[in-house]
Amino acid sequence: MSKLSFVFDFFLNREIKEYLFTIPGVIDVNIHHRTLMIEYDNQKLSDYILCMEVFLFLDIFKRPSLISFDKHANKELLSYCMKITDICCEYCLKGMLDELFLTNGVISAFMEYDDIVETDKCDAVINITYDPSIINEKMLTILESKFNTK
């Protein structure tokens, strides 16, 4: 059994919960405001497929809305603090979270999104946990450089 959590930039409704229960392998779904937590059988369903199902239902493939995620790995993880400078817009910042979710070895990513938007900051910090057996700090540094040149 595995868990997957998402935090979006909008409030969720019960329809997503009903939809997710129709997917084979989904065991439990909890919604609290903007947070969606899914418990699932990872033998029947991958976190990638589950993410795509959520994005499809919410119709957010072309409108980045993810502001935090956690794949809840049960292993030793390391932390990395990614500094993003001179952010051009919220859209780009949330797109970075989407890309981090798809990056193999990145287990969680969190940013103080409301703080960034409310204070109109041009810089952001994304706190990441990662599996060092899959991805290393040098690879995250390269990804950070890529994000800072967009």
Protein backbone atom coordinates (compact mmCIF):
# COMPACT_ATOMS: atom_id res chain seq x y z
CA MET A 1 0.00 0.00 0.00
CA SER A 2 1.24 3.50 -0.88
CA LYS A 3 0.15 7.07 -0.29
CA LEU A 4 0.24 10.12 -2.49
CA SER A 5 -0.61 13.69 -1.48
CA PHE A 6 -1.20 16.75 -3.62
CA VAL A 7 -1.87 20.36 -2.70
CA PHE A 8 -3.43 22.52 -5.41
CA ASP A 9 -3.96 26.26 -5.77
CA PHE A 10 -7.75 25.82 -5.64
CA PHE A 11 -10.27 24.13 -3.37
CA LEU A 12 -11.32 20.59 -4.25
CA ASN A 13 -14.84 19.18 -4.31
CA ARG A 14 -16.26 15.72 -3.59
CA GLU A 15 -16.50 14.77 -7.28
CA ILE A 16 -12.78 13.99 -7.47
CA LYS A 17 -13.16 11.59 -4.55
CA GLU A 18 -16.03 9.76 -6.24
CA TYR A 19 -14.06 9.55 -9.49
CA LEU A 20 -10.89 8.21 -7.85
CA PHE A 21 -12.82 5.39 -6.17
CA THR A 22 -13.74 4.11 -9.66
CA ILE A 23 -10.05 3.48 -10.43
CA PRO A 24 -8.89 -0.08 -9.63
CA GLY A 25 -6.27 0.03 -6.89
CA VAL A 26 -7.49 3.15 -5.11
CA ILE A 27 -8.15 2.23 -1.47
CA ASP A 28 -8.92 5.53 0.25
CA VAL A 29 -9.27 9.20 -0.68
CA ASN A 30 -9.30 12.17 1.69
CA ILE A 31 -9.90 15.79 0.79
CA HIS A 32 -9.24 18.77 3.02
CA HIS A 33 -9.63 22.16 1.34
CA ARG A 34 -6.86 22.14 -1.29
CA THR A 35 -5.21 18.89 -0.19
CA LEU A 36 -5.88 15.52 -1.77
CA MET A 37 -4.48 12.37 -0.12
CA ILE A 38 -4.82 9.04 -1.89
CA GLU A 39 -4.03 5.60 -0.50
CA TYR A 40 -3.55 3.04 -3.24
CA ASP A 41 -2.22 -0.41 -4.09
CA ASN A 42 1.08 0.19 -5.85
CA GLN A 43 0.90 -3.30 -7.37
CA LYS A 44 -2.13 -2.21 -9.40
CA LEU A 45 -1.44 1.47 -9.91
CA SER A 46 1.65 3.70 -10.21
CA ASP A 47 1.97 7.18 -8.76
CA TYR A 48 2.45 8.49 -12.31
CA ILE A 49 -0.82 6.98 -13.58
CA LEU A 50 -2.64 8.19 -10.48
CA CYS A 51 -1.28 11.71 -11.01
CA MET A 52 -2.37 11.66 -14.64
CA GLU A 53 -5.87 10.52 -13.61
CA VAL A 54 -6.12 13.38 -11.12
CA PHE A 55 -4.83 15.95 -13.62
CA LEU A 56 -7.20 14.63 -16.30
CA PHE A 57 -10.24 14.78 -14.03
CA LEU A 58 -9.36 18.27 -12.80
CA ASP A 59 -8.50 19.37 -16.36
CA ILE A 60 -5.20 20.93 -15.34
CA PHE A 61 -2.79 19.60 -17.95
CA LYS A 62 -2.53 23.01 -19.61
CA ARG A 63 -2.93 25.02 -16.40
CA PRO A 64 -0.32 24.15 -13.78
CA SER A 65 -2.01 24.10 -10.37
CA LEU A 66 0.15 21.83 -8.23
CA ILE A 67 1.83 23.67 -5.33
CA SER A 68 3.01 20.69 -3.27
CA PHE A 69 3.22 16.91 -3.43
CA ASP A 70 4.43 13.97 -1.37
CA LYS A 71 4.84 10.38 -2.55
CA HIS A 72 5.30 9.19 1.07
CA ALA A 73 8.30 6.89 0.53
CA ASN A 74 9.15 4.46 3.32
CA LYS A 75 12.93 4.74 3.01
CA GLU A 76 15.79 6.98 3.98
CA LEU A 77 15.57 10.27 2.11
CA LEU A 78 17.73 13.35 1.80
CA SER A 79 16.66 16.98 1.62
CA TYR A 80 17.53 19.62 -0.92
CA CYS A 81 16.61 23.29 -0.88
CA MET A 82 16.08 24.57 -4.42
CA LYS A 83 16.32 28.35 -4.80
CA ILE A 84 14.47 29.81 -7.75
CA THR A 85 15.29 33.42 -8.59
CA ASP A 86 13.54 35.99 -10.71
CA ILE A 87 10.28 34.10 -11.18
CA CYS A 88 8.39 35.54 -14.10
CA CYS A 89 4.94 34.25 -13.08
CA GLU A 90 2.95 31.82 -10.92
CA TYR A 91 2.34 29.65 -13.97
CA CYS A 92 6.06 28.95 -14.40
CA LEU A 93 6.55 28.28 -10.69
CA LYS A 94 3.71 25.73 -10.58
CA GLY A 95 5.01 24.18 -13.80
CA MET A 96 8.28 23.51 -11.98
CA LEU A 97 6.36 21.49 -9.35
CA ASP A 98 4.73 19.46 -12.13
CA GLU A 99 8.18 18.74 -13.57
CA LEU A 100 9.57 17.81 -10.16
CA PHE A 101 6.73 15.31 -9.66
CA LEU A 102 7.72 13.62 -12.91
CA THR A 103 11.42 13.55 -11.97
CA ASN A 104 12.38 10.04 -10.95
CA GLY A 105 13.71 10.00 -7.39
CA VAL A 106 12.05 13.22 -6.21
CA ILE A 107 9.71 12.14 -3.41
CA SER A 108 8.25 15.42 -2.24
CA ALA A 109 8.32 19.12 -3.02
CA PHE A 110 6.88 21.96 -1.01
CA MET A 111 6.90 25.73 -1.37
CA GLU A 112 5.28 28.57 0.57
CA TYR A 113 3.06 29.36 -2.40
CA ASP A 114 0.58 31.64 -0.63
CA ASP A 115 3.47 33.61 0.85
CA ILE A 116 5.08 34.03 -2.56
CA VAL A 117 1.86 35.16 -4.25
CA GLU A 118 0.61 37.44 -1.47
CA THR A 119 3.92 39.27 -1.09
CA ASP A 120 4.59 39.38 -4.84
CA LYS A 121 8.06 37.88 -4.34
CA CYS A 122 10.29 37.25 -7.34
CA ASP A 123 12.19 34.47 -5.59
CA ALA A 124 11.05 31.14 -4.20
CA VAL A 125 12.41 28.21 -2.27
CA ILE A 126 11.23 24.70 -3.07
CA ASN A 127 12.02 22.19 -0.33
CA ILE A 128 12.59 18.76 -1.83
CA THR A 129 13.11 15.29 -0.42
CA TYR A 130 14.72 12.76 -2.70
CA ASP A 131 15.86 9.16 -2.84
CA PRO A 132 19.68 9.22 -3.12
CA SER A 133 19.68 5.74 -4.67
CA ILE A 134 17.86 7.18 -7.72
CA ILE A 135 18.88 10.84 -8.00
CA ASN A 136 21.75 12.78 -6.48
CA GLU A 137 22.33 16.36 -5.41
CA LYS A 138 24.30 17.15 -8.55
CA MET A 139 21.32 16.19 -10.72
CA LEU A 140 19.05 18.39 -8.59
CA THR A 141 21.53 21.27 -8.96
CA ILE A 142 21.37 20.86 -12.74
CA LEU A 143 17.57 20.91 -12.57
CA GLU A 144 17.71 24.02 -10.37
CA SER A 145 19.95 25.73 -12.95
CA LYS A 146 17.48 24.80 -15.69
CA PHE A 147 14.60 26.29 -13.69
CA ASN A 148 16.57 29.49 -13.11
CA THR A 149 17.20 30.00 -16.83
CA LYS A 150 13.55 29.76 -17.90
